[in-house]
């Protein structure tokens, strides 16, 4: 049975009263689009759902759909902007939390980015240099591993 609490406004006709609800228990599982938005991996839930539909999000190694359920201990991989973030679900939430509280909700297992000296040099052609010659094309294919 719900108790009613006055909201502090003066007693007028139509003064609002709000029910006090019992504390709810944390959900066991929730949708992956809602969870990734809630832990700030995406700016909006629509962007999260679009990235999931495009195949940029995997749950436990399998391609996910927006309605895929995530629970504590699941591994979520998000590829965005050429970087793959690997996070583990530490707590299931459905409401968006502040950036300071995100550390309590997930465990970030993303490896550190490579040092600039370790990144492979990718040759570029000057603009206006025209089409590559047959010899240059073969060198490019050899470099790319084709």
N, C-alpha and C. Protein backbone atom coordinates (compact mmCIF):
# COMPACT_ATOMS: atom_id res chain seq x y z
N UNK A 1 0.85 -1.18 0.00
CA UNK A 1 0.00 0.00 0.00
C UNK A 1 0.89 1.24 0.00
N UNK A 2 0.60 2.17 -0.84
CA UNK A 2 1.42 3.37 -0.97
C UNK A 2 1.00 4.41 0.06
N UNK A 3 2.00 5.05 0.64
CA UNK A 3 1.74 6.17 1.53
C UNK A 3 1.83 7.44 0.69
N UNK A 4 1.16 8.49 1.14
CA UNK A 4 1.18 9.74 0.40
C UNK A 4 1.95 10.78 1.20
N UNK A 5 2.78 11.54 0.49
CA UNK A 5 3.57 12.59 1.13
C UNK A 5 3.26 13.90 0.43
N UNK A 6 3.08 14.95 1.23
CA UNK A 6 2.82 16.26 0.67
C UNK A 6 4.10 16.81 0.06
N UNK A 7 3.99 17.49 -1.06
CA UNK A 7 5.18 17.96 -1.77
C UNK A 7 5.73 19.28 -1.23
N UNK A 8 5.19 19.83 -0.18
CA UNK A 8 5.73 21.05 0.41
C UNK A 8 5.10 22.32 -0.10
N UNK A 9 4.25 22.25 -1.10
CA UNK A 9 3.61 23.46 -1.61
C UNK A 9 2.47 23.86 -0.67
N UNK A 10 2.09 25.15 -0.69
CA UNK A 10 1.00 25.60 0.18
C UNK A 10 -0.28 24.85 -0.14
N UNK A 11 -1.12 24.67 0.87
CA UNK A 11 -2.37 23.93 0.68
C UNK A 11 -3.34 24.76 -0.14
N UNK A 12 -3.41 24.50 -1.39
CA UNK A 12 -4.37 25.13 -2.28
C UNK A 12 -5.20 24.04 -2.92
N UNK A 13 -6.21 24.48 -3.58
CA UNK A 13 -7.00 23.51 -4.31
C UNK A 13 -6.10 22.87 -5.37
N UNK A 14 -6.04 21.59 -5.38
CA UNK A 14 -5.23 20.90 -6.37
C UNK A 14 -3.78 20.74 -5.96
N UNK A 15 -3.43 20.99 -4.68
CA UNK A 15 -2.05 20.78 -4.25
C UNK A 15 -1.69 19.32 -4.48
N UNK A 16 -0.51 19.11 -4.99
CA UNK A 16 -0.13 17.76 -5.38
C UNK A 16 0.40 16.96 -4.21
N UNK A 17 0.08 15.71 -4.24
CA UNK A 17 0.62 14.78 -3.26
C UNK A 17 1.23 13.63 -4.06
N UNK A 18 2.38 13.18 -3.64
CA UNK A 18 3.10 12.14 -4.38
C UNK A 18 3.17 10.87 -3.56
N UNK A 19 2.98 9.74 -4.19
CA UNK A 19 3.11 8.49 -3.44
C UNK A 19 4.58 8.21 -3.16
N UNK A 20 4.86 7.66 -1.99
CA UNK A 20 6.20 7.25 -1.64
C UNK A 20 6.28 5.78 -1.97
N UNK A 21 7.13 5.45 -2.90
CA UNK A 21 7.22 4.06 -3.30
C UNK A 21 8.32 3.36 -2.51
N UNK A 22 8.17 2.08 -2.37
CA UNK A 22 9.18 1.29 -1.68
C UNK A 22 10.43 1.24 -2.55
N UNK A 23 11.62 1.13 -1.95
CA UNK A 23 12.83 1.06 -2.76
C UNK A 23 12.79 -0.15 -3.68
N UNK A 24 13.14 0.09 -4.94
CA UNK A 24 13.10 -0.99 -5.92
C UNK A 24 14.43 -1.73 -5.91
N UNK A 25 14.38 -2.99 -6.29
CA UNK A 25 15.61 -3.76 -6.38
C UNK A 25 16.23 -3.53 -7.74
N UNK A 26 17.52 -3.72 -7.82
CA UNK A 26 18.23 -3.52 -9.08
C UNK A 26 17.81 -4.61 -10.07
N UNK A 27 17.67 -4.26 -11.35
CA UNK A 27 17.28 -5.27 -12.33
C UNK A 27 18.39 -6.30 -12.52
N UNK A 28 18.01 -7.51 -12.86
CA UNK A 28 18.98 -8.59 -13.09
C UNK A 28 19.62 -8.42 -14.46
N UNK A 29 18.83 -8.01 -15.46
CA UNK A 29 19.32 -7.82 -16.82
C UNK A 29 18.58 -6.65 -17.44
N UNK A 30 19.20 -6.05 -18.47
CA UNK A 30 18.57 -4.96 -19.19
C UNK A 30 19.04 -4.99 -20.64
N UNK A 31 18.40 -4.18 -21.48
CA UNK A 31 18.75 -4.13 -22.90
C UNK A 31 20.14 -3.51 -23.07
N UNK A 32 20.88 -4.00 -24.05
CA UNK A 32 22.24 -3.51 -24.26
C UNK A 32 22.23 -2.06 -24.74
N UNK A 33 21.25 -1.64 -25.52
CA UNK A 33 21.22 -0.25 -25.97
C UNK A 33 20.97 0.69 -24.78
N UNK A 34 20.13 0.29 -23.86
CA UNK A 34 19.86 1.11 -22.68
C UNK A 34 21.09 1.16 -21.77
N UNK A 35 21.76 0.01 -21.58
CA UNK A 35 22.92 -0.04 -20.68
C UNK A 35 24.10 0.76 -21.24
N UNK A 36 24.38 0.63 -22.54
CA UNK A 36 25.51 1.37 -23.12
C UNK A 36 25.26 2.87 -23.08
N UNK A 37 24.01 3.29 -23.23
CA UNK A 37 23.69 4.71 -23.09
C UNK A 37 23.81 5.14 -21.64
N UNK A 38 23.35 4.32 -20.71
CA UNK A 38 23.35 4.68 -19.29
C UNK A 38 24.77 4.83 -18.75
N UNK A 39 25.73 4.06 -19.28
CA UNK A 39 27.12 4.15 -18.80
C UNK A 39 27.97 5.07 -19.67
N UNK A 40 27.30 5.87 -20.48
CA UNK A 40 27.94 6.93 -21.26
C UNK A 40 28.91 6.44 -22.34
N UNK A 41 28.66 5.26 -22.91
CA UNK A 41 29.44 4.83 -24.06
C UNK A 41 28.92 5.51 -25.33
N UNK A 42 27.65 5.95 -25.29
CA UNK A 42 27.04 6.69 -26.40
C UNK A 42 26.33 7.90 -25.83
N UNK A 43 26.22 8.96 -26.64
CA UNK A 43 25.60 10.20 -26.18
C UNK A 43 24.09 10.11 -26.08
N UNK A 44 23.48 9.34 -26.99
CA UNK A 44 22.03 9.18 -26.95
C UNK A 44 21.70 7.70 -27.11
N UNK A 45 20.51 7.35 -26.69
CA UNK A 45 20.09 5.96 -26.83
C UNK A 45 19.86 5.60 -28.28
N UNK A 46 19.44 6.58 -29.08
CA UNK A 46 19.25 6.34 -30.51
C UNK A 46 20.58 6.03 -31.19
N UNK A 47 21.64 6.75 -30.81
CA UNK A 47 22.97 6.45 -31.36
C UNK A 47 23.44 5.07 -30.93
N UNK A 48 23.14 4.70 -29.70
CA UNK A 48 23.51 3.37 -29.21
C UNK A 48 22.81 2.29 -30.03
N UNK A 49 21.51 2.45 -30.24
CA UNK A 49 20.75 1.46 -31.01
C UNK A 49 21.24 1.39 -32.45
N UNK A 50 21.57 2.53 -33.04
CA UNK A 50 22.06 2.54 -34.42
C UNK A 50 23.40 1.83 -34.52
N UNK A 51 24.30 2.07 -33.58
CA UNK A 51 25.61 1.41 -33.59
C UNK A 51 25.46 -0.09 -33.39
N UNK A 52 24.53 -0.50 -32.55
CA UNK A 52 24.31 -1.92 -32.30
C UNK A 52 23.75 -2.59 -33.55
N UNK A 53 22.78 -1.94 -34.20
CA UNK A 53 22.22 -2.48 -35.43
C UNK A 53 23.26 -2.58 -36.53
N UNK A 54 24.25 -1.67 -36.53
CA UNK A 54 25.29 -1.67 -37.55
C UNK A 54 26.37 -2.71 -37.28
N UNK A 55 26.31 -3.38 -36.13
CA UNK A 55 27.29 -4.42 -35.83
C UNK A 55 28.52 -3.92 -35.11
N UNK A 56 28.48 -2.72 -34.55
CA UNK A 56 29.63 -2.16 -33.85
C UNK A 56 29.69 -2.56 -32.38
N UNK A 57 28.70 -3.31 -31.91
CA UNK A 57 28.67 -3.73 -30.50
C UNK A 57 28.52 -5.25 -30.45
N UNK A 58 29.35 -5.88 -29.62
CA UNK A 58 29.27 -7.33 -29.41
C UNK A 58 29.11 -7.59 -27.92
N UNK A 59 28.29 -8.58 -27.60
CA UNK A 59 28.09 -9.00 -26.22
C UNK A 59 28.59 -10.43 -26.11
N UNK A 60 29.60 -10.64 -25.28
CA UNK A 60 30.22 -11.96 -25.11
C UNK A 60 30.68 -12.55 -26.44
N UNK A 61 31.21 -11.70 -27.31
CA UNK A 61 31.76 -12.14 -28.58
C UNK A 61 30.75 -12.30 -29.70
N UNK A 62 29.47 -12.21 -29.42
CA UNK A 62 28.43 -12.35 -30.44
C UNK A 62 27.87 -10.99 -30.81
N UNK A 63 27.55 -10.82 -32.10
CA UNK A 63 26.94 -9.59 -32.56
C UNK A 63 25.60 -9.40 -31.85
N UNK A 64 25.35 -8.20 -31.38
CA UNK A 64 24.16 -7.94 -30.57
C UNK A 64 23.09 -7.22 -31.38
N UNK A 65 21.86 -7.31 -30.87
CA UNK A 65 20.74 -6.52 -31.34
C UNK A 65 20.41 -5.55 -30.21
N UNK A 66 19.71 -4.45 -30.48
CA UNK A 66 19.41 -3.49 -29.41
C UNK A 66 18.71 -4.11 -28.21
N UNK A 67 17.90 -5.15 -28.40
CA UNK A 67 17.16 -5.76 -27.31
C UNK A 67 17.92 -6.88 -26.61
N UNK A 68 19.17 -7.15 -27.01
CA UNK A 68 19.95 -8.19 -26.36
C UNK A 68 20.11 -7.86 -24.88
N UNK A 69 19.88 -8.84 -24.03
CA UNK A 69 19.95 -8.63 -22.58
C UNK A 69 21.40 -8.74 -22.10
N UNK A 70 21.82 -7.83 -21.23
CA UNK A 70 23.13 -7.90 -20.59
C UNK A 70 22.92 -8.07 -19.10
N UNK A 71 23.81 -8.84 -18.48
CA UNK A 71 23.74 -9.06 -17.04
C UNK A 71 25.14 -8.92 -16.47
N UNK A 72 25.26 -8.96 -15.16
CA UNK A 72 26.55 -8.80 -14.49
C UNK A 72 27.50 -9.88 -14.98
N UNK A 73 28.73 -9.46 -15.33
CA UNK A 73 29.76 -10.39 -15.80
C UNK A 73 29.87 -10.47 -17.31
N UNK A 74 28.92 -9.93 -18.05
CA UNK A 74 28.98 -9.96 -19.52
C UNK A 74 30.06 -9.01 -20.02
N UNK A 75 30.69 -9.40 -21.14
CA UNK A 75 31.69 -8.55 -21.78
C UNK A 75 31.04 -7.84 -22.96
N UNK A 76 31.16 -6.52 -23.00
CA UNK A 76 30.58 -5.72 -24.08
C UNK A 76 31.73 -5.04 -24.82
N UNK A 77 31.80 -5.26 -26.14
CA UNK A 77 32.83 -4.64 -26.97
C UNK A 77 32.16 -3.61 -27.87
N UNK A 78 32.64 -2.38 -27.80
CA UNK A 78 32.07 -1.28 -28.58
C UNK A 78 33.18 -0.72 -29.47
N UNK A 79 32.95 -0.75 -30.79
CA UNK A 79 33.91 -0.20 -31.74
C UNK A 79 33.36 1.12 -32.25
N UNK A 80 34.10 2.20 -31.96
CA UNK A 80 33.65 3.52 -32.37
C UNK A 80 34.87 4.37 -32.70
N UNK A 81 34.87 4.96 -33.88
CA UNK A 81 35.98 5.82 -34.28
C UNK A 81 37.29 5.07 -34.46
N UNK A 82 37.22 3.80 -34.84
CA UNK A 82 38.43 3.01 -35.05
C UNK A 82 39.04 2.46 -33.77
N UNK A 83 38.42 2.72 -32.63
CA UNK A 83 38.92 2.24 -31.35
C UNK A 83 37.89 1.28 -30.77
N UNK A 84 38.36 0.14 -30.28
CA UNK A 84 37.46 -0.81 -29.67
C UNK A 84 37.59 -0.74 -28.16
N UNK A 85 36.48 -0.46 -27.49
CA UNK A 85 36.45 -0.43 -26.01
C UNK A 85 35.90 -1.75 -25.53
N UNK A 86 36.57 -2.35 -24.57
CA UNK A 86 36.14 -3.61 -23.99
C UNK A 86 35.78 -3.33 -22.53
N UNK A 87 34.51 -3.53 -22.20
CA UNK A 87 34.05 -3.28 -20.83
C UNK A 87 33.30 -4.50 -20.31
N UNK A 88 33.35 -4.67 -19.00
CA UNK A 88 32.63 -5.76 -18.35
C UNK A 88 31.53 -5.14 -17.49
N UNK A 89 30.36 -5.75 -17.51
CA UNK A 89 29.23 -5.24 -16.75
C UNK A 89 29.45 -5.59 -15.28
N UNK A 90 29.62 -4.58 -14.43
CA UNK A 90 29.78 -4.80 -13.00
C UNK A 90 28.45 -4.65 -12.28
N UNK A 91 27.56 -3.82 -12.82
CA UNK A 91 26.24 -3.61 -12.24
C UNK A 91 25.28 -3.25 -13.36
N UNK A 92 24.09 -3.76 -13.31
CA UNK A 92 23.08 -3.47 -14.33
C UNK A 92 22.30 -2.24 -13.89
N UNK A 93 22.27 -1.23 -14.77
CA UNK A 93 21.49 -0.01 -14.50
C UNK A 93 20.66 0.31 -15.73
N UNK A 94 19.59 1.05 -15.53
CA UNK A 94 18.74 1.45 -16.65
C UNK A 94 18.64 2.96 -16.79
N UNK A 95 19.02 3.70 -15.75
CA UNK A 95 19.00 5.16 -15.79
C UNK A 95 20.42 5.67 -15.99
N UNK A 96 20.56 6.74 -16.76
CA UNK A 96 21.87 7.32 -17.04
C UNK A 96 22.47 7.89 -15.75
N UNK A 97 23.75 7.63 -15.53
CA UNK A 97 24.43 8.10 -14.33
C UNK A 97 25.52 9.09 -14.70
N UNK A 98 25.99 9.83 -13.72
CA UNK A 98 27.05 10.79 -13.94
C UNK A 98 28.38 10.10 -14.25
N UNK A 99 29.29 10.84 -14.84
CA UNK A 99 30.57 10.27 -15.26
C UNK A 99 31.36 9.73 -14.07
N UNK A 100 31.21 10.34 -12.91
CA UNK A 100 31.95 9.88 -11.74
C UNK A 100 31.45 8.51 -11.26
N UNK A 101 30.18 8.20 -11.48
CA UNK A 101 29.60 6.94 -11.02
C UNK A 101 29.79 5.79 -12.01
N UNK A 102 30.24 6.09 -13.23
CA UNK A 102 30.39 5.06 -14.24
C UNK A 102 31.41 4.01 -13.81
N UNK A 103 32.44 4.40 -13.08
CA UNK A 103 33.48 3.46 -12.65
C UNK A 103 32.91 2.37 -11.75
N UNK A 104 31.81 2.64 -11.04
CA UNK A 104 31.19 1.63 -10.17
C UNK A 104 30.33 0.66 -10.96
N UNK A 105 29.95 1.03 -12.18
CA UNK A 105 29.01 0.25 -12.96
C UNK A 105 29.69 -0.68 -13.97
N UNK A 106 30.88 -0.31 -14.42
CA UNK A 106 31.58 -1.13 -15.40
C UNK A 106 33.05 -1.27 -15.05
N UNK A 107 33.69 -2.30 -15.61
CA UNK A 107 35.13 -2.51 -15.48
C UNK A 107 35.71 -2.36 -16.88
N UNK A 108 36.57 -1.37 -17.07
CA UNK A 108 37.14 -1.10 -18.38
C UNK A 108 38.35 -2.00 -18.60
N UNK A 109 38.26 -2.89 -19.59
CA UNK A 109 39.34 -3.82 -19.91
C UNK A 109 40.00 -3.47 -21.25
N UNK A 110 39.81 -2.24 -21.70
CA UNK A 110 40.38 -1.80 -22.96
C UNK A 110 41.90 -1.73 -22.83
N UNK A 111 42.64 -2.36 -23.76
CA UNK A 111 44.10 -2.25 -23.69
C UNK A 111 44.53 -0.82 -24.00
N UNK A 112 45.68 -0.39 -23.47
CA UNK A 112 46.13 0.97 -23.74
C UNK A 112 46.43 1.15 -25.23
N UNK A 113 46.24 2.36 -25.74
CA UNK A 113 46.49 2.59 -27.17
C UNK A 113 47.98 2.45 -27.47
N UNK A 114 48.33 2.06 -28.71
CA UNK A 114 49.74 1.92 -29.05
C UNK A 114 50.44 3.28 -29.07
N UNK A 115 51.73 3.26 -28.79
CA UNK A 115 52.52 4.49 -28.81
C UNK A 115 52.62 4.98 -30.26
N UNK A 116 52.76 6.27 -30.45
CA UNK A 116 52.85 6.79 -31.83
C UNK A 116 54.01 6.19 -32.61
N UNK A 117 55.07 5.78 -31.92
CA UNK A 117 56.21 5.19 -32.63
C UNK A 117 55.91 3.78 -33.11
N UNK A 118 54.91 3.10 -32.51
CA UNK A 118 54.57 1.74 -32.88
C UNK A 118 53.54 1.68 -34.00
N UNK A 119 52.91 2.78 -34.33
CA UNK A 119 51.90 2.80 -35.37
C UNK A 119 52.60 2.74 -36.73
N UNK A 120 52.10 1.86 -37.60
CA UNK A 120 52.72 1.68 -38.91
C UNK A 120 52.52 2.93 -39.77
N UNK A 121 53.56 3.26 -40.52
CA UNK A 121 53.50 4.39 -41.42
C UNK A 121 52.73 4.00 -42.67
N UNK A 122 51.76 4.79 -43.04
CA UNK A 122 50.96 4.53 -44.23
C UNK A 122 51.34 5.58 -45.27
N UNK A 123 51.97 5.14 -46.37
CA UNK A 123 52.36 6.13 -47.38
C UNK A 123 51.14 6.75 -48.05
N UNK A 124 51.24 8.02 -48.37
CA UNK A 124 50.17 8.72 -49.07
C UNK A 124 50.71 9.32 -50.36
N UNK A 125 49.85 9.41 -51.34
CA UNK A 125 50.25 10.01 -52.61
C UNK A 125 49.91 11.49 -52.58
N UNK A 126 50.73 12.26 -53.24
CA UNK A 126 50.47 13.69 -53.35
C UNK A 126 49.23 13.91 -54.20
N UNK A 127 48.47 14.94 -53.84
CA UNK A 127 47.30 15.27 -54.65
C UNK A 127 47.76 15.74 -56.03
N UNK A 128 47.05 15.23 -57.02
CA UNK A 128 47.37 15.63 -58.38
C UNK A 128 48.49 14.80 -59.00
N UNK A 129 48.95 13.76 -58.30
CA UNK A 129 50.03 12.92 -58.83
C UNK A 129 49.51 11.95 -59.88
N UNK A 130 48.21 11.89 -60.06
CA UNK A 130 47.64 11.01 -61.07
C UNK A 130 47.50 9.58 -60.56
N UNK A 131 47.16 8.71 -61.49
CA UNK A 131 46.99 7.31 -61.14
C UNK A 131 48.35 6.68 -60.88
N UNK A 132 48.38 5.66 -59.98
CA UNK A 132 49.65 4.98 -59.77
C UNK A 132 50.05 4.18 -61.01
N UNK A 133 51.34 4.10 -61.22
CA UNK A 133 51.83 3.29 -62.34
C UNK A 133 51.62 1.82 -61.98
N UNK A 134 51.84 0.95 -62.97
CA UNK A 134 51.66 -0.47 -62.73
C UNK A 134 52.62 -0.95 -61.64
N UNK A 135 53.84 -0.43 -61.68
CA UNK A 135 54.84 -0.82 -60.67
C UNK A 135 54.41 -0.34 -59.27
N UNK A 136 53.94 0.92 -59.18
CA UNK A 136 53.49 1.46 -57.89
C UNK A 136 52.27 0.69 -57.37
N UNK A 137 51.37 0.33 -58.29
CA UNK A 137 50.18 -0.43 -57.89
C UNK A 137 50.57 -1.79 -57.32
N UNK A 138 51.53 -2.46 -57.94
CA UNK A 138 52.00 -3.76 -57.43
C UNK A 138 52.65 -3.60 -56.06
N UNK A 139 53.40 -2.52 -55.86
CA UNK A 139 54.02 -2.28 -54.55
C UNK A 139 52.95 -2.02 -53.48
N UNK A 140 51.90 -1.29 -53.86
CA UNK A 140 50.81 -1.01 -52.92
C UNK A 140 50.10 -2.32 -52.55
N UNK A 141 49.81 -3.15 -53.54
CA UNK A 141 49.14 -4.44 -53.27
C UNK A 141 50.01 -5.34 -52.43
N UNK A 142 51.32 -5.33 -52.67
CA UNK A 142 52.24 -6.13 -51.88
C UNK A 142 52.28 -5.63 -50.42
N UNK A 143 52.26 -4.32 -50.26
CA UNK A 143 52.26 -3.72 -48.94
C UNK A 143 50.98 -4.06 -48.17
N UNK A 144 49.85 -4.04 -48.86
CA UNK A 144 48.57 -4.32 -48.23
C UNK A 144 48.35 -5.81 -48.00
N UNK A 145 49.15 -6.65 -48.62
CA UNK A 145 49.04 -8.08 -48.42
C UNK A 145 48.04 -8.75 -49.34
N UNK A 146 47.78 -8.19 -50.51
CA UNK A 146 46.82 -8.77 -51.47
C UNK A 146 47.50 -9.72 -52.39
